[in-house]
């Protein structure tokens, strides 16, 4: 039986900080590359899962045990959304190690650890794996902020900022002169100023003015202030009890999960349904849409989003308003949000990102804990209704319609098996996204498989570099990155070749064989990582070169037997009624039952 043990080597509990350092020992599994240790906080009302940073991970000489060192310094004030300085808190450790997941791991303390504390009474149950700390000092002693003092500081700060703005305007001619001198090489300049011509001078003047005023001044800041002012105005309006707002910063049409929910409720005349579908970022969004966003945020009973919507972190939503996250991906694959705490590109513990969701819908109870962790929300806020857009995979009529339309448009593919090549992007995001085309040559794969398969290429929307497909292959190698719904393509697919795309969850619903072309797996684990061990978790054969792709195709070696258990692990209900369950949740909120 898998029984990890922990030795706590540092446990320093200050007023609002917890410094933890541990050594964990468990049985060795050589397939495990990336074990994960979490600390779970509880206060009697909610819980919060936060990862520790793995500092060392190695095997003992006899290969019998795996030793893992992990640490993190937690800001207790930022663990829960509503921090009560007098609340009692319990913690326990959780470990994900290959196919093993263990909570409340037994522990011992290093002899150097001192539990006596002037702020807390600490009670540790080492066998049951739980530590409870109770406040000793009253709230007044623990509180770092005096409300009256804070108001005075805020007033003085506001006056000071106003005077800086005013003086800055008066000395604006000096900033203009400085821009001219800087252009002549006689004054310093901002390394971030990449503009040319007049825009260079304007950017330099703004930089000098912002530095003088000690605050960013620009279009983005102006729009953010406008949005907040409009929201603060509209919160004096009543919340409309039947209003449902569909918001998306991902798309400008009502598709995906939002589309399925809308189709389910659109004929209900008792609902006030509103939309704001604008993929623009804050800087590009029109003032008209900012005003609409503020109005809908302040007056809607239910707000639905389908992706990270950062602008909603600009203000606190009203208690009567419930925000539901209809996350665009199924399952739990690549780590995101607070699961990337302490990693490059990850958030800080103080970030507000995602933490305002009242509900997040997922495909199974198995993954609810990981979405709670990634979003930084209590486990109770994650509900396993299923993912609405997966309902089409249980609709035979829709499948027949898609196939008919596809083959009428591409009649030459009727007699071919179809490979869907759908890798995820490399790079740090939208601006730098790419896929290294030299890693996969569709023409060579087509030729070496003797024309048995046609190849459809479907890159991530962020990827802009494309293959140059010769006219001799154009009928059988088709890049559909700019068109076609990815889910629809699965209905005509005989083999999926991917790497780290969440497409695998949808493909499993149709029992499509999969090859996993993970040529850079080690690097991807170190930079992005996964919730599960990749080599244990994926429902297909892993290959590391194009030659191995061709070999697997010719031998029909796809390890298809892994699909069924994978599907059952990540989908609780295989009934095509996920949209129905989501709309039931919405109606319960409207009727004040949830």
Protein backbone atom coordinates (compact mmCIF):
# COMPACT_ATOMS: atom_id res chain seq x y z
CA UNK A 1 0.00 0.00 0.00
CA UNK A 2 1.21 3.51 -0.90
CA UNK A 3 1.89 5.33 2.40
CA UNK A 4 3.93 8.54 2.14
CA UNK A 5 5.28 10.18 5.29
CA UNK A 6 6.32 13.79 5.89
CA UNK A 7 8.93 15.36 8.10
CA UNK A 8 8.19 19.06 8.67
CA UNK A 9 11.57 20.80 8.78
CA UNK A 10 10.32 24.38 9.02
CA UNK A 11 7.05 25.55 10.54
CA UNK A 12 7.11 29.25 11.34
CA UNK A 13 3.72 30.79 12.07
CA UNK A 14 3.71 34.57 12.28
CA UNK A 15 0.79 36.99 12.49
CA UNK A 16 -0.20 36.64 8.87
CA UNK A 17 2.44 34.32 7.41
CA UNK A 18 3.13 30.61 7.43
CA UNK A 19 6.59 29.38 6.40
CA UNK A 20 6.62 25.69 5.56
CA UNK A 21 9.44 23.39 4.51
CA UNK A 22 9.00 19.62 4.35
CA UNK A 23 10.72 16.37 3.40
CA UNK A 24 8.37 13.73 1.96
CA UNK A 25 9.30 10.08 1.57
CA UNK A 26 7.29 7.58 -0.48
CA UNK A 27 7.70 4.37 -2.48
CA UNK A 28 9.46 4.84 -5.81
CA UNK A 29 7.61 4.86 -9.13
CA UNK A 30 10.13 5.46 -11.92
CA UNK A 31 7.34 6.65 -14.24
CA UNK A 32 6.72 9.69 -12.04
CA UNK A 33 8.55 12.77 -13.30
CA UNK A 34 6.58 15.53 -11.59
CA UNK A 35 5.10 14.79 -8.14
CA UNK A 36 2.92 17.50 -6.65
CA UNK A 37 2.43 18.49 -3.02
CA UNK A 38 -0.40 20.75 -1.93
CA UNK A 39 -1.34 22.37 1.36
CA UNK A 40 -5.08 22.42 1.97
CA UNK A 41 -6.36 25.20 4.23
CA UNK A 42 -9.75 25.01 5.99
CA UNK A 43 -11.52 27.51 8.23
CA UNK A 44 -14.83 25.76 8.83
CA UNK A 45 -16.57 27.70 6.03
CA UNK A 46 -14.41 27.05 3.00
CA UNK A 47 -11.22 25.41 1.85
CA UNK A 48 -8.32 26.50 -0.34
CA UNK A 49 -5.69 24.37 -2.04
CA UNK A 50 -2.24 25.84 -2.65
CA UNK A 51 0.81 24.11 -4.16
CA UNK A 52 4.24 23.93 -2.61
CA UNK A 53 7.38 24.42 -4.70
CA UNK A 54 9.37 21.22 -5.24
CA UNK A 55 13.01 22.06 -4.55
CA UNK A 56 14.54 18.59 -4.86
CA UNK A 57 13.29 15.20 -6.03
CA UNK A 58 15.50 12.10 -6.08
CA UNK A 59 15.62 8.35 -5.36
CA UNK A 60 17.53 6.63 -2.59
CA UNK A 61 20.53 4.51 -3.62
CA UNK A 62 18.53 1.28 -3.43
CA UNK A 63 15.77 2.88 -5.60
CA UNK A 64 13.21 1.84 -2.99
CA UNK A 65 12.19 5.34 -1.88
CA UNK A 66 11.59 8.71 -3.49
CA UNK A 67 12.67 11.74 -1.45
CA UNK A 68 10.97 15.06 -2.17
CA UNK A 69 11.80 18.42 -0.60
CA UNK A 70 9.19 21.18 -0.88
CA UNK A 71 8.62 24.61 0.62
CA UNK A 72 6.49 27.74 0.38
CA UNK A 73 5.83 30.91 2.39
CA UNK A 74 2.07 31.47 2.52
CA UNK A 75 0.39 34.83 3.04
CA UNK A 76 -2.46 33.88 5.38
CA UNK A 77 -4.37 37.08 4.66
CA UNK A 78 -4.66 36.00 1.01
CA UNK A 79 -5.63 32.37 1.53
CA UNK A 80 -9.38 33.01 1.76
CA UNK A 81 -11.32 35.72 -0.06
CA UNK A 82 -12.77 37.11 3.18
CA UNK A 83 -9.99 36.94 5.72
CA UNK A 84 -11.05 37.11 9.35
CA UNK A 85 -7.99 37.81 11.50
CA UNK A 86 -9.56 35.86 14.40
CA UNK A 87 -10.64 32.73 12.52
CA UNK A 88 -9.18 29.36 13.35
CA UNK A 89 -7.47 27.49 10.54
CA UNK A 90 -6.53 23.87 9.89
CA UNK A 91 -4.11 22.57 7.29
CA UNK A 92 -3.16 19.19 5.87
CA UNK A 93 -0.92 17.96 3.07
CA UNK A 94 -1.99 16.26 -0.19
CA UNK A 95 0.27 14.39 -2.62
CA UNK A 96 -0.35 13.49 -6.26
CA UNK A 97 2.19 10.84 -7.26
CA UNK A 98 1.53 8.94 -10.47
CA UNK A 99 -1.77 7.08 -10.05
CA UNK A 100 -1.70 7.72 -6.31
CA UNK A 101 -3.48 10.60 -4.64
CA UNK A 102 -3.25 10.88 -0.84
CA UNK A 103 -4.61 13.50 1.57
CA UNK A 104 -3.96 14.06 5.29
CA UNK A 105 -0.50 12.51 5.14
CA UNK A 106 0.96 11.56 8.55
CA UNK A 107 3.89 13.73 9.59
CA UNK A 108 6.50 14.38 12.22
CA UNK A 109 8.31 17.56 13.19
CA UNK A 110 12.04 18.07 12.98
CA UNK A 111 13.61 18.63 16.38
CA UNK A 112 14.45 22.21 15.31
CA UNK A 113 10.77 23.14 14.90
CA UNK A 114 9.30 25.15 17.79
CA UNK A 115 5.51 25.17 17.98
CA UNK A 116 5.15 27.67 20.84
CA UNK A 117 3.78 30.89 19.41
CA UNK A 118 2.68 34.26 20.80
CA UNK A 119 -0.14 34.60 18.27
CA UNK A 120 -1.53 31.08 17.94
CA UNK A 121 -2.26 27.97 19.96
CA UNK A 122 -1.05 25.13 17.70
CA UNK A 123 -2.50 21.64 17.92
CA UNK A 124 -0.88 19.00 15.69
CA UNK A 125 -2.36 15.54 15.18
CA UNK A 126 0.58 13.82 13.54
CA UNK A 127 -1.12 10.46 12.92
CA UNK A 128 -4.21 11.99 11.31
CA UNK A 129 -2.07 14.42 9.32
CA UNK A 130 -3.71 17.65 10.43
CA UNK A 131 -2.49 20.86 12.08
CA UNK A 132 -4.92 23.25 13.73
CA UNK A 133 -3.96 26.76 14.81
CA UNK A 134 -6.20 28.92 16.96
CA UNK A 135 -5.85 32.62 17.63
CA UNK A 136 -4.61 33.67 21.04
CA UNK A 137 -4.31 37.44 20.57
CA UNK A 138 -7.53 39.40 20.05
CA UNK A 139 -8.28 41.00 16.70
CA UNK A 140 -7.17 44.48 17.77
CA UNK A 141 -3.68 43.20 18.59
CA UNK A 142 -3.40 41.26 15.35
CA UNK A 143 -4.82 43.83 13.02
CA UNK A 144 -2.15 45.67 11.13
CA UNK A 145 -4.49 48.40 9.97
CA UNK A 146 -6.32 50.98 12.06
CA UNK A 147 -9.47 52.01 10.08
CA UNK A 148 -9.27 55.69 11.06
CA UNK A 149 -5.56 55.80 10.36
CA UNK A 150 -6.12 54.14 6.98
CA UNK A 151 -8.75 56.72 6.01
CA UNK A 152 -6.39 59.56 6.93
CA UNK A 153 -3.60 57.94 4.90
CA UNK A 154 -5.94 57.51 1.93
CA UNK A 155 -7.05 61.16 2.13
CA UNK A 156 -3.47 62.44 2.31
CA UNK A 157 -2.45 60.13 -0.54
CA UNK A 158 -5.30 61.41 -2.71
CA UNK A 159 -4.37 65.05 -2.09
CA UNK A 160 -0.71 64.29 -2.80
CA UNK A 161 -1.58 62.51 -6.07
CA UNK A 162 -3.80 65.39 -7.16
CA UNK A 163 -1.01 67.93 -6.50
CA UNK A 164 1.45 65.79 -8.48
CA UNK A 165 -0.95 65.67 -11.44
CA UNK A 166 -1.45 69.43 -11.25
CA UNK A 167 2.26 70.26 -11.03
CA UNK A 168 2.95 67.73 -13.78
CA UNK A 169 0.63 69.63 -16.13
CA UNK A 170 2.35 72.92 -15.27
CA UNK A 171 5.80 71.52 -16.11
CA UNK A 172 4.63 69.70 -19.24
CA UNK A 173 6.73 72.02 -21.48
CA UNK A 174 9.84 70.73 -19.68
CA UNK A 175 8.87 67.15 -20.60
CA UNK A 176 8.47 68.23 -24.25
CA UNK A 177 11.94 69.81 -24.16
CA UNK A 178 13.33 66.65 -22.52
CA UNK A 179 11.88 64.54 -25.37
CA UNK A 180 13.70 66.70 -27.93
CA UNK A 181 16.99 66.51 -25.99
CA UNK A 182 16.57 62.74 -25.54
CA UNK A 183 16.11 62.30 -29.29
CA UNK A 184 19.38 64.20 -29.78
CA UNK A 185 21.13 61.87 -27.31
CA UNK A 186 21.45 64.54 -24.64
CA UNK A 187 18.99 63.02 -22.12
CA UNK A 188 17.96 59.57 -20.96
CA UNK A 189 15.12 57.67 -22.63
CA UNK A 190 12.86 54.74 -21.88
CA UNK A 191 14.04 51.38 -23.24
CA UNK A 192 10.36 50.41 -23.64
CA UNK A 193 9.73 53.15 -26.20
CA UNK A 194 9.73 51.31 -29.54
CA UNK A 195 7.75 53.92 -31.49
CA UNK A 196 8.96 56.11 -34.32
CA UNK A 197 8.15 59.63 -35.47
CA UNK A 198 5.64 61.70 -33.50
CA UNK A 199 4.50 58.66 -31.50
CA UNK A 200 8.02 58.36 -30.06
CA UNK A 201 7.86 61.91 -28.68
CA UNK A 202 4.36 61.41 -27.25
CA UNK A 203 5.41 58.15 -25.61
CA UNK A 204 8.49 59.82 -24.09
CA UNK A 205 6.43 62.71 -22.71
CA UNK A 206 3.92 60.26 -21.20
CA UNK A 207 6.78 58.28 -19.66
CA UNK A 208 8.27 61.41 -18.05
CA UNK A 209 4.86 62.59 -16.84
CA UNK A 210 4.01 59.14 -15.40
CA UNK A 211 7.39 58.95 -13.64
CA UNK A 212 6.84 62.39 -12.13
CA UNK A 213 3.32 61.54 -10.95
CA UNK A 214 4.44 58.08 -9.75
CA UNK A 215 1.52 56.45 -11.53
CA UNK A 216 0.91 54.90 -14.94
CA UNK A 217 -0.95 57.29 -17.21
CA UNK A 218 -2.24 56.06 -20.51
CA UNK A 219 -5.24 54.91 -22.47
CA UNK A 220 -5.50 51.62 -20.58
CA UNK A 221 -5.51 53.35 -17.19
CA UNK A 222 -8.01 55.93 -18.40
CA UNK A 223 -10.36 53.20 -19.62
CA UNK A 224 -9.99 51.23 -16.41
CA UNK A 225 -10.89 54.30 -14.34
CA UNK A 226 -13.85 54.94 -16.62
CA UNK A 227 -15.05 51.35 -16.19
CA UNK A 228 -14.82 51.55 -12.41
CA UNK A 229 -16.63 54.88 -12.27
CA UNK A 230 -19.47 53.56 -14.42
CA UNK A 231 -19.71 50.41 -12.30
CA UNK A 232 -19.82 52.42 -9.07
CA UNK A 233 -22.64 54.43 -10.62
CA UNK A 234 -24.66 51.39 -11.75
CA UNK A 235 -24.46 49.54 -8.43
CA UNK A 236 -27.05 52.03 -7.20
CA UNK A 237 -29.46 50.40 -9.67
CA UNK A 238 -31.27 47.26 -8.51
CA UNK A 239 -30.10 43.81 -9.63
CA UNK A 240 -32.58 42.58 -12.25
CA UNK A 241 -33.74 39.24 -10.82
CA UNK A 242 -34.18 37.51 -14.21
CA UNK A 243 -31.21 39.00 -16.06
CA UNK A 244 -28.57 36.64 -17.46
CA UNK A 245 -25.49 38.19 -19.07
CA UNK A 246 -23.31 36.25 -21.52
CA UNK A 247 -19.80 37.73 -21.49
CA UNK A 248 -16.84 36.58 -23.56
CA UNK A 249 -13.37 37.98 -24.11
CA UNK A 250 -12.57 34.86 -26.15
CA UNK A 251 -15.00 35.16 -29.06
CA UNK A 252 -17.39 37.62 -30.73
CA UNK A 253 -20.12 35.08 -31.46
CA UNK A 254 -22.38 32.98 -29.28
CA UNK A 255 -20.68 29.61 -29.76
CA UNK A 256 -18.95 27.05 -27.56
CA UNK A 257 -20.34 26.47 -24.07
CA UNK A 258 -22.07 29.86 -24.10
CA UNK A 259 -23.87 28.92 -27.31
CA UNK A 260 -25.16 25.62 -25.96
CA UNK A 261 -26.52 27.26 -22.81
CA UNK A 262 -28.10 30.09 -24.81
CA UNK A 263 -29.83 27.64 -27.16
CA UNK A 264 -31.28 25.89 -24.12
CA UNK A 265 -32.81 29.03 -22.55
CA UNK A 266 -33.40 31.41 -25.49
CA UNK A 267 -37.11 30.59 -25.81
CA UNK A 268 -37.85 31.40 -22.18
CA UNK A 269 -39.65 34.76 -22.41
CA UNK A 270 -39.41 35.28 -18.65
CA UNK A 271 -35.66 35.77 -18.88
CA UNK A 272 -33.85 39.02 -19.67
CA UNK A 273 -30.89 37.74 -21.73
CA UNK A 274 -28.05 40.16 -22.50
CA UNK A 275 -24.75 39.81 -24.41
CA UNK A 276 -21.31 41.38 -24.51
CA UNK A 277 -19.07 39.34 -26.80
CA UNK A 278 -15.89 41.31 -27.39
CA UNK A 279 -12.45 39.66 -27.73
CA UNK A 280 -10.72 43.05 -27.47
CA UNK A 281 -8.41 43.67 -24.55
CA UNK A 282 -9.10 46.57 -22.18
CA UNK A 283 -6.98 49.02 -24.17
CA UNK A 284 -8.80 48.21 -27.43
CA UNK A 285 -12.34 47.93 -26.05
CA UNK A 286 -14.66 50.78 -26.97
CA UNK A 287 -16.03 53.12 -24.30
CA UNK A 288 -19.50 52.00 -25.35
CA UNK A 289 -18.70 48.38 -24.52
CA UNK A 290 -16.96 49.37 -21.29
CA UNK A 291 -20.11 51.16 -20.24
CA UNK A 292 -22.21 48.14 -21.18
CA UNK A 293 -19.87 45.84 -19.26
CA UNK A 294 -20.18 47.99 -16.14
CA UNK A 295 -23.97 48.06 -16.48
CA UNK A 296 -24.36 44.30 -16.99
CA UNK A 297 -21.88 43.51 -14.20
CA UNK A 298 -23.82 45.69 -11.77
CA UNK A 299 -27.39 44.69 -12.67
CA UNK A 300 -27.31 41.01 -13.72
CA UNK A 301 -28.43 38.17 -11.49
CA UNK A 302 -26.26 35.64 -13.37
CA UNK A 303 -23.09 36.30 -15.38
CA UNK A 304 -21.71 33.56 -17.63
CA UNK A 305 -18.12 33.56 -18.93
CA UNK A 306 -16.25 30.91 -20.94
CA UNK A 307 -12.62 31.83 -20.27
CA UNK A 308 -10.45 34.05 -18.10
CA UNK A 309 -12.12 37.48 -18.09
CA UNK A 310 -9.54 39.71 -16.37
CA UNK A 311 -11.53 42.95 -16.54
CA UNK A 312 -14.04 41.53 -14.05
CA UNK A 313 -11.29 41.66 -11.42
CA UNK A 314 -11.38 45.47 -11.59
CA UNK A 315 -14.22 45.65 -9.07
CA UNK A 316 -16.09 43.48 -6.58
CA UNK A 317 -19.32 42.01 -7.90
CA UNK A 318 -22.44 42.45 -5.81
CA UNK A 319 -23.46 39.69 -3.42
CA UNK A 320 -26.73 39.11 -5.33
CA UNK A 321 -24.83 38.57 -8.59
CA UNK A 322 -23.49 35.08 -9.28
CA UNK A 323 -20.60 34.54 -11.69
CA UNK A 324 -20.45 31.15 -13.44
CA UNK A 325 -17.29 30.04 -15.25
CA UNK A 326 -18.10 27.74 -18.21
CA UNK A 327 -14.43 26.95 -18.81
CA UNK A 328 -13.71 26.19 -22.48
CA UNK A 329 -11.64 23.03 -21.86
CA UNK A 330 -12.68 19.58 -20.67
CA UNK A 331 -10.85 17.45 -18.15
CA UNK A 332 -7.70 18.53 -16.32
CA UNK A 333 -4.56 18.44 -18.42
CA UNK A 334 -2.08 21.33 -18.37
CA UNK A 335 -1.75 23.23 -15.10
CA UNK A 336 -3.21 26.72 -15.02
CA UNK A 337 -3.93 29.58 -12.64
CA UNK A 338 -2.82 29.14 -9.03
CA UNK A 339 -1.57 25.61 -9.76
CA UNK A 340 1.40 27.44 -11.33
CA UNK A 341 2.20 29.35 -8.16
CA UNK A 342 5.93 29.98 -7.90
CA UNK A 343 6.57 29.08 -11.55
CA UNK A 344 7.61 31.38 -14.38
CA UNK A 345 4.52 33.06 -15.78
CA UNK A 346 2.40 31.91 -12.85
CA UNK A 347 0.42 34.23 -10.55
CA UNK A 348 1.41 35.43 -7.11
CA UNK A 349 -0.65 34.34 -4.13
CA UNK A 350 -2.05 37.88 -3.86
CA UNK A 351 -3.52 37.79 -7.39
CA UNK A 352 -7.29 38.27 -7.75
CA UNK A 353 -7.42 36.33 -11.02
CA UNK A 354 -10.26 33.76 -11.19
CA UNK A 355 -11.09 34.06 -7.49
CA UNK A 356 -14.47 35.74 -8.02
CA UNK A 357 -16.23 32.67 -9.49
CA UNK A 358 -19.30 31.60 -7.55
CA UNK A 359 -19.48 28.44 -9.64
CA UNK A 360 -17.20 26.67 -12.09
CA UNK A 361 -18.56 23.76 -14.11
CA UNK A 362 -16.39 20.72 -14.84
CA UNK A 363 -16.75 17.31 -16.46
CA UNK A 364 -16.21 15.11 -13.40
CA UNK A 365 -15.83 15.12 -9.61
CA UNK A 366 -12.39 13.59 -10.11
CA UNK A 367 -10.98 16.88 -11.42
CA UNK A 368 -12.99 19.29 -9.23
CA UNK A 369 -10.10 19.61 -6.75
CA UNK A 370 -7.73 20.72 -9.50
CA UNK A 371 -10.08 23.38 -10.84
CA UNK A 372 -10.65 24.62 -7.29
CA UNK A 373 -6.87 24.88 -6.94
CA UNK A 374 -6.30 26.53 -10.33
CA UNK A 375 -9.07 29.07 -9.83
CA UNK A 376 -8.25 29.68 -6.16
CA UNK A 377 -11.85 29.02 -5.09
CA UNK A 378 -13.45 26.69 -2.50
CA UNK A 379 -14.11 23.10 -3.57
CA UNK A 380 -17.86 23.60 -3.06
CA UNK A 381 -17.87 26.20 -5.86
CA UNK A 382 -16.86 23.59 -8.45
CA UNK A 383 -19.80 21.55 -9.76
CA UNK A 384 -19.55 18.45 -11.98
CA UNK A 385 -22.44 19.17 -14.32
CA UNK A 386 -20.50 18.14 -17.40
CA UNK A 387 -19.33 20.47 -20.19
CA UNK A 388 -22.21 21.77 -22.38
CA UNK A 389 -20.45 21.65 -25.74
CA UNK A 390 -19.75 17.91 -25.36
CA UNK A 391 -23.48 17.20 -25.76
CA UNK A 392 -23.10 17.11 -29.54
CA UNK A 393 -21.02 13.94 -29.30
CA UNK A 394 -24.14 12.11 -28.18
CA UNK A 395 -26.32 13.55 -30.96
CA UNK A 396 -26.49 11.08 -33.88
CA UNK A 397 -28.44 13.49 -36.09
CA UNK A 398 -25.83 16.21 -35.67
CA UNK A 399 -23.04 13.75 -36.44
CA UNK A 400 -24.76 12.68 -39.66
CA UNK A 401 -25.32 16.32 -40.67
CA UNK A 402 -21.65 17.25 -40.10
CA UNK A 403 -20.37 14.25 -42.05
CA UNK A 404 -22.69 14.99 -44.96
CA UNK A 405 -21.62 18.64 -45.15
CA UNK A 406 -17.94 17.77 -44.84
CA UNK A 407 -17.86 15.18 -47.62
CA UNK A 408 -19.95 17.35 -49.91
CA UNK A 409 -17.25 20.01 -49.55
CA UNK A 410 -14.33 17.54 -49.75
CA UNK A 411 -15.63 14.62 -51.89
CA UNK A 412 -12.12 13.28 -52.59
CA UNK A 413 -11.73 12.43 -48.88
CA UNK A 414 -14.62 9.95 -48.86
CA UNK A 415 -12.35 7.03 -49.67
CA UNK A 416 -9.60 8.09 -47.31
CA UNK A 417 -9.04 7.63 -43.61
CA UNK A 418 -8.42 10.99 -41.97
CA UNK A 419 -5.63 12.05 -39.63
CA UNK A 420 -6.34 15.18 -37.59
CA UNK A 421 -3.02 16.82 -36.68
CA UNK A 422 -3.87 19.24 -33.84
CA UNK A 423 -0.88 20.23 -31.71
CA UNK A 424 -0.87 22.96 -29.11
CA UNK A 425 1.31 26.04 -29.53
CA UNK A 426 4.82 26.73 -28.27
CA UNK A 427 5.82 30.14 -26.94
CA UNK A 428 4.66 32.28 -24.04
CA UNK A 429 1.22 33.29 -25.28
CA UNK A 430 -0.72 34.87 -28.10
CA UNK A 431 1.99 37.27 -29.24
CA UNK A 432 4.83 34.73 -29.43
CA UNK A 433 2.89 31.56 -30.25
CA UNK A 434 4.24 29.24 -32.94
CA UNK A 435 4.57 25.59 -33.90
CA UNK A 436 7.94 24.32 -35.22
CA UNK A 437 6.86 23.04 -38.64
CA UNK A 438 10.15 21.22 -39.13
CA UNK A 439 9.04 18.78 -36.42
CA UNK A 440 6.16 17.40 -38.51
CA UNK A 441 6.19 17.02 -42.29
CA UNK A 442 2.64 16.19 -43.46
CA UNK A 443 3.79 15.53 -47.04
CA UNK A 444 6.25 12.89 -45.86
CA UNK A 445 3.69 11.24 -43.57
CA UNK A 446 1.20 11.16 -46.46
CA UNK A 447 3.72 9.51 -48.77
CA UNK A 448 5.11 7.01 -46.24
CA UNK A 449 1.62 5.83 -45.28
CA UNK A 450 1.04 5.18 -49.00
CA UNK A 451 -1.87 7.58 -49.30
CA UNK A 452 -4.11 5.58 -46.96
CA UNK A 453 -4.74 8.70 -44.88
CA UNK A 454 -5.64 12.27 -45.75
CA UNK A 455 -4.22 14.80 -43.29
CA UNK A 456 -6.15 17.74 -41.81
CA UNK A 457 -4.03 20.31 -39.99
CA UNK A 458 -5.69 22.27 -37.20
CA UNK A 459 -3.34 24.60 -35.36
CA UNK A 460 -4.17 26.47 -32.16
CA UNK A 461 -5.78 29.85 -32.96
CA UNK A 462 -2.69 31.63 -31.60
CA UNK A 463 -0.39 30.00 -34.18
CA UNK A 464 0.04 32.02 -37.40
CA UNK A 465 2.89 30.19 -39.17
CA UNK A 466 1.61 27.74 -41.78
CA UNK A 467 2.80 24.82 -43.90
CA UNK A 468 3.48 25.35 -47.59
CA UNK A 469 1.49 22.51 -49.13
CA UNK A 470 2.41 21.63 -52.76
CA UNK A 471 -0.44 21.55 -55.28
CA UNK A 472 0.17 17.84 -55.91
CA UNK A 473 -0.96 17.08 -52.30
CA UNK A 474 -3.49 19.88 -51.83
CA UNK A 475 -6.54 17.62 -52.13
CA UNK A 476 -5.36 15.32 -49.34
CA UNK A 477 -3.37 17.60 -47.03
CA UNK A 478 -5.59 20.47 -45.96
CA UNK A 479 -4.85 23.20 -43.43
CA UNK A 480 -8.17 24.02 -41.73
CA UNK A 481 -6.68 26.18 -38.98
CA UNK A 482 -8.61 29.24 -40.17
CA UNK A 483 -11.95 27.50 -40.61
CA UNK A 484 -14.05 24.60 -39.32
CA UNK A 485 -15.09 23.96 -35.72
CA UNK A 486 -12.56 21.65 -34.12
CA UNK A 487 -15.24 19.50 -32.50
CA UNK A 488 -16.97 19.01 -35.87
CA UNK A 489 -13.76 17.71 -37.43
CA UNK A 490 -13.67 14.91 -34.87
CA UNK A 491 -16.77 13.35 -36.46
CA UNK A 492 -14.78 12.57 -39.62
CA UNK A 493 -11.47 11.75 -37.91
CA UNK A 494 -9.95 8.26 -37.79
CA UNK A 495 -6.75 9.17 -35.96
CA UNK A 496 -5.76 12.17 -33.83
CA UNK A 497 -2.11 13.20 -33.64
CA UNK A 498 -1.57 15.77 -30.91
CA UNK A 499 0.78 16.54 -28.04
CA UNK A 500 -0.62 18.48 -25.09
CA UNK A 501 -4.02 19.61 -26.41
CA UNK A 502 -7.18 19.14 -24.33
CA UNK A 503 -8.76 17.91 -27.56
CA UNK A 504 -8.01 14.43 -26.24
CA UNK A 505 -11.00 14.56 -23.89
CA UNK A 506 -13.47 15.18 -26.72
CA UNK A 507 -11.73 12.59 -28.92
CA UNK A 508 -12.15 9.98 -26.18
CA UNK A 509 -15.93 10.47 -26.27
CA UNK A 510 -15.88 9.23 -29.88
CA UNK A 511 -13.33 6.48 -29.14
CA UNK A 512 -10.91 7.93 -31.70
CA UNK A 513 -7.39 6.41 -31.62
CA UNK A 514 -4.68 8.89 -30.64
CA UNK A 515 -0.93 9.30 -31.05
CA UNK A 516 0.91 11.68 -28.73
CA UNK A 517 3.83 13.34 -30.46
CA UNK A 518 5.68 14.63 -27.39
CA UNK A 519 9.17 15.32 -28.72
CA UNK A 520 9.77 18.03 -26.08
CA UNK A 521 8.07 16.40 -23.09
CA UNK A 522 10.80 17.07 -20.52
CA UNK A 523 10.96 20.75 -21.44
CA UNK A 524 7.17 21.09 -21.44
CA UNK A 525 6.91 19.52 -17.98
CA UNK A 526 9.54 21.93 -16.61
CA UNK A 527 7.83 25.02 -18.05
CA UNK A 528 4.10 24.21 -18.08
CA UNK A 529 3.52 20.85 -16.38
CA UNK A 530 0.39 18.70 -16.05
CA UNK A 531 -2.05 17.73 -13.31
CA UNK A 532 -1.40 14.05 -14.01
CA UNK A 533 1.76 12.20 -15.00
CA UNK A 534 1.74 12.51 -18.78
CA UNK A 535 3.21 9.10 -19.59
CA UNK A 536 0.71 7.34 -17.32
CA UNK A 537 -2.33 9.47 -18.10
CA UNK A 538 -2.64 9.94 -21.87
CA UNK A 539 -5.02 7.53 -23.67
CA UNK A 540 -2.76 6.50 -26.53
CA UNK A 541 0.76 5.72 -27.67
CA UNK A 542 3.48 8.31 -27.01
CA UNK A 543 6.01 8.86 -29.82
CA UNK A 544 9.02 11.17 -29.95
CA UNK A 545 9.84 11.42 -33.67
CA UNK A 546 8.11 11.54 -37.03
CA UNK A 547 9.61 8.16 -37.94
CA UNK A 548 7.89 6.65 -34.90
CA UNK A 549 4.60 8.31 -35.93
CA UNK A 550 4.77 6.60 -39.33
CA UNK A 551 5.78 3.28 -37.76
CA UNK A 552 2.82 3.37 -35.34
CA UNK A 553 0.40 4.22 -38.17
CA UNK A 554 1.63 1.40 -40.40
CA UNK A 555 1.41 -1.10 -37.51
CA UNK A 556 -1.93 0.36 -36.28
CA UNK A 557 -0.25 0.57 -32.86
CA UNK A 558 -2.29 3.25 -31.06
CA UNK A 559 -2.80 1.63 -27.61
CA UNK A 560 -6.56 2.17 -27.95
CA UNK A 561 -7.30 0.05 -24.88
CA UNK A 562 -6.49 3.09 -22.71
CA UNK A 563 -9.41 5.16 -24.01
CA UNK A 564 -12.32 3.62 -22.11
CA UNK A 565 -10.87 4.00 -18.59
CA UNK A 566 -9.66 7.50 -19.48
CA UNK A 567 -13.15 8.52 -20.59
CA UNK A 568 -14.79 7.17 -17.43
CA UNK A 569 -12.25 8.96 -15.25
CA UNK A 570 -12.89 12.40 -16.74
CA UNK A 571 -16.62 12.28 -17.54
CA UNK A 572 -19.13 11.42 -14.81
CA UNK A 573 -22.16 11.46 -17.09
CA UNK A 574 -22.02 10.15 -20.63
CA UNK A 575 -25.58 11.10 -21.49
CA UNK A 576 -25.45 14.29 -23.60
CA UNK A 577 -27.35 16.28 -20.94
CA UNK A 578 -24.61 18.55 -19.56
CA UNK A 579 -26.28 21.71 -20.91
CA UNK A 580 -29.49 20.73 -19.17
CA UNK A 581 -27.71 20.40 -15.83
CA UNK A 582 -25.99 23.78 -16.25
CA UNK A 583 -29.30 25.50 -17.04
CA UNK A 584 -30.84 23.87 -13.97
CA UNK A 585 -28.11 25.54 -11.91
CA UNK A 586 -28.88 28.87 -13.56
CA UNK A 587 -32.61 28.54 -12.85
CA UNK A 588 -31.87 27.63 -9.22
CA UNK A 589 -29.87 30.87 -8.89
CA UNK A 590 -32.67 32.89 -10.51
CA UNK A 591 -35.16 31.29 -8.09
CA UNK A 592 -32.78 31.87 -5.14
CA UNK A 593 -32.38 28.13 -4.53
CA UNK A 594 -28.63 28.07 -5.05
